[in-house]
mmCIF file of all heavy atoms, coordinates in Angstrom:
data_MODEL
# 
_entry.id   MODEL 
# 
loop_
_atom_site.group_PDB 
_atom_site.id 
_atom_site.type_symbol 
_atom_site.label_atom_id 
_atom_site.label_alt_id 
_atom_site.label_comp_id 
_atom_site.label_asym_id 
_atom_site.label_entity_id 
_atom_site.label_seq_id 
_atom_site.pdbx_PDB_ins_code 
_atom_site.Cartn_x 
_atom_site.Cartn_y 
_atom_site.Cartn_z 
_atom_site.occupancy 
_atom_site.B_iso_or_equiv 
_atom_site.pdbx_formal_charge 
_atom_site.auth_seq_id 
_atom_site.auth_comp_id 
_atom_site.auth_asym_id 
_atom_site.auth_atom_id 
_atom_site.pdbx_PDB_model_num 
ATOM 1   N N   . ARG A 1 1  ? 0.787  -1.237 0.000  1.00 0.00 ? 1  ARG A N   1 
ATOM 2   C CA  . ARG A 1 1  ? 0.000  0.000  0.000  1.00 0.00 ? 1  ARG A CA  1 
ATOM 3   C C   . ARG A 1 1  ? 0.819  1.286  0.000  1.00 0.00 ? 1  ARG A C   1 
ATOM 4   O O   . ARG A 1 1  ? 0.400  2.291  -0.587 1.00 0.00 ? 1  ARG A O   1 
ATOM 5   C CB  . ARG A 1 1  ? -0.944 -0.005 1.220  1.00 0.00 ? 1  ARG A CB  1 
ATOM 6   C CG  . ARG A 1 1  ? -1.964 -1.138 1.168  1.00 0.00 ? 1  ARG A CG  1 
ATOM 7   C CD  . ARG A 1 1  ? -2.702 -1.312 2.485  1.00 0.00 ? 1  ARG A CD  1 
ATOM 8   N NE  . ARG A 1 1  ? -3.538 -2.516 2.448  1.00 0.00 ? 1  ARG A NE  1 
ATOM 9   C CZ  . ARG A 1 1  ? -4.071 -3.089 3.523  1.00 0.00 ? 1  ARG A CZ  1 
ATOM 10  N NH1 . ARG A 1 1  ? -3.858 -2.573 4.722  1.00 0.00 ? 1  ARG A NH1 1 
ATOM 11  N NH2 . ARG A 1 1  ? -4.807 -4.188 3.399  1.00 0.00 ? 1  ARG A NH2 1 
ATOM 12  N N   . ILE A 1 2  ? 1.964  1.283  0.660  1.00 0.00 ? 2  ILE A N   1 
ATOM 13  C CA  . ILE A 1 2  ? 2.712  2.539  0.783  1.00 0.00 ? 2  ILE A CA  1 
ATOM 14  C C   . ILE A 1 2  ? 3.231  3.056  -0.563 1.00 0.00 ? 2  ILE A C   1 
ATOM 15  O O   . ILE A 1 2  ? 3.125  4.261  -0.853 1.00 0.00 ? 2  ILE A O   1 
ATOM 16  C CB  . ILE A 1 2  ? 3.851  2.395  1.810  1.00 0.00 ? 2  ILE A CB  1 
ATOM 17  C CG1 . ILE A 1 2  ? 3.252  2.210  3.208  1.00 0.00 ? 2  ILE A CG1 1 
ATOM 18  C CG2 . ILE A 1 2  ? 4.753  3.629  1.790  1.00 0.00 ? 2  ILE A CG2 1 
ATOM 19  C CD1 . ILE A 1 2  ? 4.285  1.971  4.300  1.00 0.00 ? 2  ILE A CD1 1 
ATOM 20  N N   . PRO A 1 3  ? 3.796  2.223  -1.445 1.00 0.00 ? 3  PRO A N   1 
ATOM 21  C CA  . PRO A 1 3  ? 4.239  2.761  -2.732 1.00 0.00 ? 3  PRO A CA  1 
ATOM 22  C C   . PRO A 1 3  ? 3.110  3.426  -3.516 1.00 0.00 ? 3  PRO A C   1 
ATOM 23  O O   . PRO A 1 3  ? 3.324  4.448  -4.180 1.00 0.00 ? 3  PRO A O   1 
ATOM 24  C CB  . PRO A 1 3  ? 4.768  1.517  -3.458 1.00 0.00 ? 3  PRO A CB  1 
ATOM 25  C CG  . PRO A 1 3  ? 5.193  0.597  -2.366 1.00 0.00 ? 3  PRO A CG  1 
ATOM 26  C CD  . PRO A 1 3  ? 4.166  0.800  -1.283 1.00 0.00 ? 3  PRO A CD  1 
ATOM 27  N N   . THR A 1 4  ? 1.902  2.863  -3.443 1.00 0.00 ? 4  THR A N   1 
ATOM 28  C CA  . THR A 1 4  ? 0.763  3.470  -4.127 1.00 0.00 ? 4  THR A CA  1 
ATOM 29  C C   . THR A 1 4  ? 0.401  4.795  -3.478 1.00 0.00 ? 4  THR A C   1 
ATOM 30  O O   . THR A 1 4  ? 0.080  5.780  -4.168 1.00 0.00 ? 4  THR A O   1 
ATOM 31  C CB  . THR A 1 4  ? -0.450 2.519  -4.096 1.00 0.00 ? 4  THR A CB  1 
ATOM 32  O OG1 . THR A 1 4  ? -0.067 1.266  -4.673 1.00 0.00 ? 4  THR A OG1 1 
ATOM 33  C CG2 . THR A 1 4  ? -1.611 3.095  -4.885 1.00 0.00 ? 4  THR A CG2 1 
ATOM 34  N N   . LEU A 1 5  ? 0.453  4.854  -2.158 1.00 0.00 ? 5  LEU A N   1 
ATOM 35  C CA  . LEU A 1 5  ? 0.203  6.123  -1.457 1.00 0.00 ? 5  LEU A CA  1 
ATOM 36  C C   . LEU A 1 5  ? 1.168  7.199  -1.929 1.00 0.00 ? 5  LEU A C   1 
ATOM 37  O O   . LEU A 1 5  ? 0.773  8.346  -2.175 1.00 0.00 ? 5  LEU A O   1 
ATOM 38  C CB  . LEU A 1 5  ? 0.353  5.910  0.047  1.00 0.00 ? 5  LEU A CB  1 
ATOM 39  C CG  . LEU A 1 5  ? 0.368  7.186  0.902  1.00 0.00 ? 5  LEU A CG  1 
ATOM 40  C CD1 . LEU A 1 5  ? -1.002 7.849  0.900  1.00 0.00 ? 5  LEU A CD1 1 
ATOM 41  C CD2 . LEU A 1 5  ? 0.816  6.878  2.335  1.00 0.00 ? 5  LEU A CD2 1 
ATOM 42  N N   . LEU A 1 6  ? 2.435  6.836  -2.075 1.00 0.00 ? 6  LEU A N   1 
ATOM 43  C CA  . LEU A 1 6  ? 3.446  7.821  -2.458 1.00 0.00 ? 6  LEU A CA  1 
ATOM 44  C C   . LEU A 1 6  ? 3.271  8.313  -3.888 1.00 0.00 ? 6  LEU A C   1 
ATOM 45  O O   . LEU A 1 6  ? 3.845  9.335  -4.270 1.00 0.00 ? 6  LEU A O   1 
ATOM 46  C CB  . LEU A 1 6  ? 4.839  7.226  -2.265 1.00 0.00 ? 6  LEU A CB  1 
ATOM 47  C CG  . LEU A 1 6  ? 5.199  6.890  -0.807 1.00 0.00 ? 6  LEU A CG  1 
ATOM 48  C CD1 . LEU A 1 6  ? 6.552  6.213  -0.725 1.00 0.00 ? 6  LEU A CD1 1 
ATOM 49  C CD2 . LEU A 1 6  ? 5.170  8.142  0.054  1.00 0.00 ? 6  LEU A CD2 1 
ATOM 50  N N   . GLN A 1 7  ? 2.477  7.596  -4.685 1.00 0.00 ? 7  GLN A N   1 
ATOM 51  C CA  . GLN A 1 7  ? 2.158  8.042  -6.043 1.00 0.00 ? 7  GLN A CA  1 
ATOM 52  C C   . GLN A 1 7  ? 0.865  8.867  -6.082 1.00 0.00 ? 7  GLN A C   1 
ATOM 53  O O   . GLN A 1 7  ? 0.444  9.298  -7.154 1.00 0.00 ? 7  GLN A O   1 
ATOM 54  C CB  . GLN A 1 7  ? 2.004  6.816  -6.949 1.00 0.00 ? 7  GLN A CB  1 
ATOM 55  C CG  . GLN A 1 7  ? 3.265  5.992  -7.096 1.00 0.00 ? 7  GLN A CG  1 
ATOM 56  C CD  . GLN A 1 7  ? 3.010  4.647  -7.767 1.00 0.00 ? 7  GLN A CD  1 
ATOM 57  O OE1 . GLN A 1 7  ? 1.934  4.412  -8.313 1.00 0.00 ? 7  GLN A OE1 1 
ATOM 58  N NE2 . GLN A 1 7  ? 3.985  3.761  -7.722 1.00 0.00 ? 7  GLN A NE2 1 
ATOM 59  N N   . THR A 1 8  ? 0.252  9.078  -4.939 1.00 0.00 ? 8  THR A N   1 
ATOM 60  C CA  . THR A 1 8  ? -1.022 9.784  -4.853 1.00 0.00 ? 8  THR A CA  1 
ATOM 61  C C   . THR A 1 8  ? -0.797 11.269 -4.612 1.00 0.00 ? 8  THR A C   1 
ATOM 62  O O   . THR A 1 8  ? -0.113 11.646 -3.652 1.00 0.00 ? 8  THR A O   1 
ATOM 63  C CB  . THR A 1 8  ? -1.866 9.210  -3.697 1.00 0.00 ? 8  THR A CB  1 
ATOM 64  O OG1 . THR A 1 8  ? -2.057 7.811  -3.896 1.00 0.00 ? 8  THR A OG1 1 
ATOM 65  C CG2 . THR A 1 8  ? -3.216 9.897  -3.619 1.00 0.00 ? 8  THR A CG2 1 
ATOM 66  N N   . PRO A 1 9  ? -1.344 12.143 -5.458 1.00 0.00 ? 9  PRO A N   1 
ATOM 67  C CA  . PRO A 1 9  ? -1.215 13.583 -5.212 1.00 0.00 ? 9  PRO A CA  1 
ATOM 68  C C   . PRO A 1 9  ? -1.907 13.958 -3.898 1.00 0.00 ? 9  PRO A C   1 
ATOM 69  O O   . PRO A 1 9  ? -3.089 13.689 -3.711 1.00 0.00 ? 9  PRO A O   1 
ATOM 70  C CB  . PRO A 1 9  ? -1.944 14.218 -6.407 1.00 0.00 ? 9  PRO A CB  1 
ATOM 71  C CG  . PRO A 1 9  ? -1.979 13.157 -7.453 1.00 0.00 ? 9  PRO A CG  1 
ATOM 72  C CD  . PRO A 1 9  ? -2.091 11.861 -6.699 1.00 0.00 ? 9  PRO A CD  1 
ATOM 73  N N   . ALA A 1 10 ? -1.147 14.541 -2.966 1.00 0.00 ? 10 ALA A N   1 
ATOM 74  C CA  . ALA A 1 10 ? -1.712 14.898 -1.666 1.00 0.00 ? 10 ALA A CA  1 
ATOM 75  C C   . ALA A 1 10 ? -0.814 15.900 -0.969 1.00 0.00 ? 10 ALA A C   1 
ATOM 76  O O   . ALA A 1 10 ? 0.404  15.894 -1.149 1.00 0.00 ? 10 ALA A O   1 
ATOM 77  C CB  . ALA A 1 10 ? -1.882 13.657 -0.797 1.00 0.00 ? 10 ALA A CB  1 
ATOM 78  N N   . ALA A 1 11 ? -1.415 16.764 -0.162 1.00 0.00 ? 11 ALA A N   1 
ATOM 79  C CA  . ALA A 1 11 ? -0.638 17.720 0.617  1.00 0.00 ? 11 ALA A CA  1 
ATOM 80  C C   . ALA A 1 11 ? 0.141  17.014 1.714  1.00 0.00 ? 11 ALA A C   1 
ATOM 81  O O   . ALA A 1 11 ? 1.273  17.366 2.029  1.00 0.00 ? 11 ALA A O   1 
ATOM 82  C CB  . ALA A 1 11 ? -1.568 18.771 1.225  1.00 0.00 ? 11 ALA A CB  1 
ATOM 83  N N   . VAL A 1 12 ? -0.474 16.005 2.314  1.00 0.00 ? 12 VAL A N   1 
ATOM 84  C CA  . VAL A 1 12 ? 0.151  15.205 3.372  1.00 0.00 ? 12 VAL A CA  1 
ATOM 85  C C   . VAL A 1 12 ? -0.131 13.742 3.083  1.00 0.00 ? 12 VAL A C   1 
ATOM 86  O O   . VAL A 1 12 ? -1.269 13.357 2.804  1.00 0.00 ? 12 VAL A O   1 
ATOM 87  C CB  . VAL A 1 12 ? -0.412 15.588 4.762  1.00 0.00 ? 12 VAL A CB  1 
ATOM 88  C CG1 . VAL A 1 12 ? -0.002 14.565 5.812  1.00 0.00 ? 12 VAL A CG1 1 
ATOM 89  C CG2 . VAL A 1 12 ? 0.048  16.982 5.170  1.00 0.00 ? 12 VAL A CG2 1 
ATOM 90  N N   . ARG A 1 13 ? 0.915  12.925 3.137  1.00 0.00 ? 13 ARG A N   1 
ATOM 91  C CA  . ARG A 1 13 ? 0.772  11.472 2.969  1.00 0.00 ? 13 ARG A CA  1 
ATOM 92  C C   . ARG A 1 13 ? 1.229  10.810 4.276  1.00 0.00 ? 13 ARG A C   1 
ATOM 93  O O   . ARG A 1 13 ? 2.332  11.088 4.752  1.00 0.00 ? 13 ARG A O   1 
ATOM 94  C CB  . ARG A 1 13 ? 1.613  10.956 1.809  1.00 0.00 ? 13 ARG A CB  1 
ATOM 95  C CG  . ARG A 1 13 ? 1.277  11.579 0.447  1.00 0.00 ? 13 ARG A CG  1 
ATOM 96  C CD  . ARG A 1 13 ? 2.156  10.987 -0.633 1.00 0.00 ? 13 ARG A CD  1 
ATOM 97  N NE  . ARG A 1 13 ? 2.005  11.667 -1.893 1.00 0.00 ? 13 ARG A NE  1 
ATOM 98  C CZ  . ARG A 1 13 ? 2.695  12.744 -2.274 1.00 0.00 ? 13 ARG A CZ  1 
ATOM 99  N NH1 . ARG A 1 13 ? 3.609  13.250 -1.444 1.00 0.00 ? 13 ARG A NH1 1 
ATOM 100 N NH2 . ARG A 1 13 ? 2.489  13.306 -3.446 1.00 0.00 ? 13 ARG A NH2 1 
ATOM 101 N N   . PHE A 1 14 ? 0.389  9.947  4.805  1.00 0.00 ? 14 PHE A N   1 
ATOM 102 C CA  . PHE A 1 14 ? 0.727  9.350  6.093  1.00 0.00 ? 14 PHE A CA  1 
ATOM 103 C C   . PHE A 1 14 ? 0.353  7.882  6.117  1.00 0.00 ? 14 PHE A C   1 
ATOM 104 O O   . PHE A 1 14 ? -0.392 7.384  5.269  1.00 0.00 ? 14 PHE A O   1 
ATOM 105 C CB  . PHE A 1 14 ? 0.031  10.101 7.233  1.00 0.00 ? 14 PHE A CB  1 
ATOM 106 C CG  . PHE A 1 14 ? -1.454 9.838  7.330  1.00 0.00 ? 14 PHE A CG  1 
ATOM 107 C CD1 . PHE A 1 14 ? -1.956 8.896  8.219  1.00 0.00 ? 14 PHE A CD1 1 
ATOM 108 C CD2 . PHE A 1 14 ? -2.348 10.544 6.546  1.00 0.00 ? 14 PHE A CD2 1 
ATOM 109 C CE1 . PHE A 1 14 ? -3.322 8.648  8.306  1.00 0.00 ? 14 PHE A CE1 1 
ATOM 110 C CE2 . PHE A 1 14 ? -3.719 10.314 6.631  1.00 0.00 ? 14 PHE A CE2 1 
ATOM 111 C CZ  . PHE A 1 14 ? -4.202 9.362  7.517  1.00 0.00 ? 14 PHE A CZ  1 
ATOM 112 N N   . VAL A 1 15 ? 0.879  7.177  7.130  1.00 0.00 ? 15 VAL A N   1 
ATOM 113 C CA  . VAL A 1 15 ? 0.588  5.763  7.333  1.00 0.00 ? 15 VAL A CA  1 
ATOM 114 C C   . VAL A 1 15 ? 0.062  5.569  8.749  1.00 0.00 ? 15 VAL A C   1 
ATOM 115 O O   . VAL A 1 15 ? 0.631  6.092  9.717  1.00 0.00 ? 15 VAL A O   1 
ATOM 116 C CB  . VAL A 1 15 ? 1.844  4.898  7.127  1.00 0.00 ? 15 VAL A CB  1 
ATOM 117 C CG1 . VAL A 1 15 ? 1.603  3.463  7.603  1.00 0.00 ? 15 VAL A CG1 1 
ATOM 118 C CG2 . VAL A 1 15 ? 2.244  4.892  5.652  1.00 0.00 ? 15 VAL A CG2 1 
ATOM 119 N N   . SER A 1 16 ? -1.024 4.819  8.859  1.00 0.00 ? 16 SER A N   1 
ATOM 120 C CA  . SER A 1 16 ? -1.527 4.385  10.158 1.00 0.00 ? 16 SER A CA  1 
ATOM 121 C C   . SER A 1 16 ? -1.150 2.920  10.336 1.00 0.00 ? 16 SER A C   1 
ATOM 122 O O   . SER A 1 16 ? -1.729 2.040  9.698  1.00 0.00 ? 16 SER A O   1 
ATOM 123 C CB  . SER A 1 16 ? -3.051 4.561  10.241 1.00 0.00 ? 16 SER A CB  1 
ATOM 124 O OG  . SER A 1 16 ? -3.536 4.066  11.470 1.00 0.00 ? 16 SER A OG  1 
ATOM 125 N N   . TYR A 1 17 ? -0.167 2.677  11.152 1.00 0.00 ? 17 TYR A N   1 
ATOM 126 C CA  . TYR A 1 17 ? 0.324  1.327  11.439 1.00 0.00 ? 17 TYR A CA  1 
ATOM 127 C C   . TYR A 1 17 ? -0.456 0.826  12.660 1.00 0.00 ? 17 TYR A C   1 
ATOM 128 O O   . TYR A 1 17 ? 0.025  0.846  13.786 1.00 0.00 ? 17 TYR A O   1 
ATOM 129 C CB  . TYR A 1 17 ? 1.824  1.426  11.682 1.00 0.00 ? 17 TYR A CB  1 
ATOM 130 C CG  . TYR A 1 17 ? 2.542  0.191  12.161 1.00 0.00 ? 17 TYR A CG  1 
ATOM 131 C CD1 . TYR A 1 17 ? 2.205  -1.092 11.739 1.00 0.00 ? 17 TYR A CD1 1 
ATOM 132 C CD2 . TYR A 1 17 ? 3.632  0.332  13.035 1.00 0.00 ? 17 TYR A CD2 1 
ATOM 133 C CE1 . TYR A 1 17 ? 2.905  -2.205 12.184 1.00 0.00 ? 17 TYR A CE1 1 
ATOM 134 C CE2 . TYR A 1 17 ? 4.346  -0.765 13.477 1.00 0.00 ? 17 TYR A CE2 1 
ATOM 135 C CZ  . TYR A 1 17 ? 3.968  -2.033 13.054 1.00 0.00 ? 17 TYR A CZ  1 
ATOM 136 O OH  . TYR A 1 17 ? 4.671  -3.132 13.494 1.00 0.00 ? 17 TYR A OH  1 
ATOM 137 N N   . GLU A 1 18 ? -1.693 0.435  12.386 1.00 0.00 ? 18 GLU A N   1 
ATOM 138 C CA  . GLU A 1 18 ? -2.616 0.048  13.454 1.00 0.00 ? 18 GLU A CA  1 
ATOM 139 C C   . GLU A 1 18 ? -3.755 -0.794 12.880 1.00 0.00 ? 18 GLU A C   1 
ATOM 140 O O   . GLU A 1 18 ? -4.336 -0.393 11.862 1.00 0.00 ? 18 GLU A O   1 
ATOM 141 C CB  . GLU A 1 18 ? -3.176 1.294  14.138 1.00 0.00 ? 18 GLU A CB  1 
ATOM 142 C CG  . GLU A 1 18 ? -4.123 1.002  15.269 1.00 0.00 ? 18 GLU A CG  1 
ATOM 143 C CD  . GLU A 1 18 ? -5.005 2.170  15.650 1.00 0.00 ? 18 GLU A CD  1 
ATOM 144 O OE1 . GLU A 1 18 ? -4.925 3.216  14.978 1.00 0.00 ? 18 GLU A OE1 1 
ATOM 145 O OE2 . GLU A 1 18 ? -5.788 2.020  16.597 1.00 0.00 ? 18 GLU A OE2 1 
ATOM 146 N N   . PRO A 1 19 ? -4.073 -1.933 13.484 1.00 0.00 ? 19 PRO A N   1 
ATOM 147 C CA  . PRO A 1 19 ? -3.341 -2.537 14.600 1.00 0.00 ? 19 PRO A CA  1 
ATOM 148 C C   . PRO A 1 19 ? -2.014 -3.128 14.132 1.00 0.00 ? 19 PRO A C   1 
ATOM 149 O O   . PRO A 1 19 ? -1.944 -3.741 13.067 1.00 0.00 ? 19 PRO A O   1 
ATOM 150 C CB  . PRO A 1 19 ? -4.286 -3.649 15.063 1.00 0.00 ? 19 PRO A CB  1 
ATOM 151 C CG  . PRO A 1 19 ? -5.008 -4.065 13.821 1.00 0.00 ? 19 PRO A CG  1 
ATOM 152 C CD  . PRO A 1 19 ? -5.205 -2.793 13.051 1.00 0.00 ? 19 PRO A CD  1 
ATOM 153 N N   . ALA A 1 20 ? -0.988 -2.915 14.922 1.00 0.00 ? 20 ALA A N   1 
ATOM 154 C CA  . ALA A 1 20 ? 0.328  -3.470 14.591 1.00 0.00 ? 20 ALA A CA  1 
ATOM 155 C C   . ALA A 1 20 ? 0.310  -4.960 14.896 1.00 0.00 ? 20 ALA A C   1 
ATOM 156 O O   . ALA A 1 20 ? 0.233  -5.363 16.056 1.00 0.00 ? 20 ALA A O   1 
ATOM 157 C CB  . ALA A 1 20 ? 1.413  -2.760 15.396 1.00 0.00 ? 20 ALA A CB  1 
ATOM 158 N N   . LEU A 1 21 ? 0.392  -5.773 13.848 1.00 0.00 ? 21 LEU A N   1 
ATOM 159 C CA  . LEU A 1 21 ? 0.346  -7.232 14.000 1.00 0.00 ? 21 LEU A CA  1 
ATOM 160 C C   . LEU A 1 21 ? 1.660  -7.897 13.623 1.00 0.00 ? 21 LEU A C   1 
ATOM 161 O O   . LEU A 1 21 ? 1.789  -9.124 13.728 1.00 0.00 ? 21 LEU A O   1 
ATOM 162 C CB  . LEU A 1 21 ? -0.786 -7.811 13.144 1.00 0.00 ? 21 LEU A CB  1 
ATOM 163 C CG  . LEU A 1 21 ? -2.198 -7.276 13.424 1.00 0.00 ? 21 LEU A CG  1 
ATOM 164 C CD1 . LEU A 1 21 ? -3.202 -7.941 12.501 1.00 0.00 ? 21 LEU A CD1 1 
ATOM 165 C CD2 . LEU A 1 21 ? -2.576 -7.495 14.886 1.00 0.00 ? 21 LEU A CD2 1 
ATOM 166 N N   . GLY A 1 22 ? 2.607  -7.129 13.165 1.00 0.00 ? 22 GLY A N   1 
ATOM 167 C CA  . GLY A 1 22 ? 3.917  -7.651 12.792 1.00 0.00 ? 22 GLY A CA  1 
ATOM 168 C C   . GLY A 1 22 ? 4.858  -6.479 12.597 1.00 0.00 ? 22 GLY A C   1 
ATOM 169 O O   . GLY A 1 22 ? 4.429  -5.330 12.473 1.00 0.00 ? 22 GLY A O   1 
ATOM 170 N N   . PRO A 1 23 ? 6.158  -6.717 12.573 1.00 0.00 ? 23 PRO A N   1 
ATOM 171 C CA  . PRO A 1 23 ? 7.119  -5.615 12.404 1.00 0.00 ? 23 PRO A CA  1 
ATOM 172 C C   . PRO A 1 23 ? 7.014  -4.999 11.013 1.00 0.00 ? 23 PRO A C   1 
ATOM 173 O O   . PRO A 1 23 ? 6.669  -5.668 10.045 1.00 0.00 ? 23 PRO A O   1 
ATOM 174 C CB  . PRO A 1 23 ? 8.470  -6.304 12.613 1.00 0.00 ? 23 PRO A CB  1 
ATOM 175 C CG  . PRO A 1 23 ? 8.221  -7.732 12.230 1.00 0.00 ? 23 PRO A CG  1 
ATOM 176 C CD  . PRO A 1 23 ? 6.815  -8.035 12.659 1.00 0.00 ? 23 PRO A CD  1 
ATOM 177 N N   . VAL A 1 24 ? 7.298  -3.703 10.934 1.00 0.00 ? 24 VAL A N   1 
ATOM 178 C CA  . VAL A 1 24 ? 7.318  -2.987 9.659  1.00 0.00 ? 24 VAL A CA  1 
ATOM 179 C C   . VAL A 1 24 ? 8.592  -2.169 9.580  1.00 0.00 ? 24 VAL A C   1 
ATOM 180 O O   . VAL A 1 24 ? 8.930  -1.430 10.507 1.00 0.00 ? 24 VAL A O   1 
ATOM 181 C CB  . VAL A 1 24 ? 6.091  -2.060 9.499  1.00 0.00 ? 24 VAL A CB  1 
ATOM 182 C CG1 . VAL A 1 24 ? 6.264  -1.176 8.264  1.00 0.00 ? 24 VAL A CG1 1 
ATOM 183 C CG2 . VAL A 1 24 ? 4.807  -2.868 9.387  1.00 0.00 ? 24 VAL A CG2 1 
ATOM 184 N N   . ASP A 1 25 ? 9.297  -2.335 8.476  1.00 0.00 ? 25 ASP A N   1 
ATOM 185 C CA  . ASP A 1 25 ? 10.503 -1.548 8.205  1.00 0.00 ? 25 ASP A CA  1 
ATOM 186 C C   . ASP A 1 25 ? 10.142 -0.519 7.148  1.00 0.00 ? 25 ASP A C   1 
ATOM 187 O O   . ASP A 1 25 ? 9.874  -0.864 5.997  1.00 0.00 ? 25 ASP A O   1 
ATOM 188 C CB  . ASP A 1 25 ? 11.625 -2.465 7.717  1.00 0.00 ? 25 ASP A CB  1 
ATOM 189 C CG  . ASP A 1 25 ? 12.901 -1.701 7.416  1.00 0.00 ? 25 ASP A CG  1 
ATOM 190 O OD1 . ASP A 1 25 ? 13.039 -0.563 7.918  1.00 0.00 ? 25 ASP A OD1 1 
ATOM 191 O OD2 . ASP A 1 25 ? 13.745 -2.217 6.674  1.00 0.00 ? 25 ASP A OD2 1 
ATOM 192 N N   . PHE A 1 26 ? 10.079 0.742  7.550  1.00 0.00 ? 26 PHE A N   1 
ATOM 193 C CA  . PHE A 1 26 ? 9.781  1.802  6.598  1.00 0.00 ? 26 PHE A CA  1 
ATOM 194 C C   . PHE A 1 26 ? 11.054 2.124  5.834  1.00 0.00 ? 26 PHE A C   1 
ATOM 195 O O   . PHE A 1 26 ? 12.061 2.550  6.410  1.00 0.00 ? 26 PHE A O   1 
ATOM 196 C CB  . PHE A 1 26 ? 9.258  3.046  7.326  1.00 0.00 ? 26 PHE A CB  1 
ATOM 197 C CG  . PHE A 1 26 ? 7.889  2.853  7.912  1.00 0.00 ? 26 PHE A CG  1 
ATOM 198 C CD1 . PHE A 1 26 ? 7.731  2.414  9.213  1.00 0.00 ? 26 PHE A CD1 1 
ATOM 199 C CD2 . PHE A 1 26 ? 6.760  3.102  7.150  1.00 0.00 ? 26 PHE A CD2 1 
ATOM 200 C CE1 . PHE A 1 26 ? 6.468  2.229  9.757  1.00 0.00 ? 26 PHE A CE1 1 
ATOM 201 C CE2 . PHE A 1 26 ? 5.494  2.917  7.676  1.00 0.00 ? 26 PHE A CE2 1 
ATOM 202 C CZ  . PHE A 1 26 ? 5.345  2.479  8.981  1.00 0.00 ? 26 PHE A CZ  1 
# 
């Protein structure tokens, strides 16, 4: 999902890592 978010025109792009069910390396 994050690469697609980064291709989305937006003033602010953010990630909600919730519920955290496993580790995530940004």
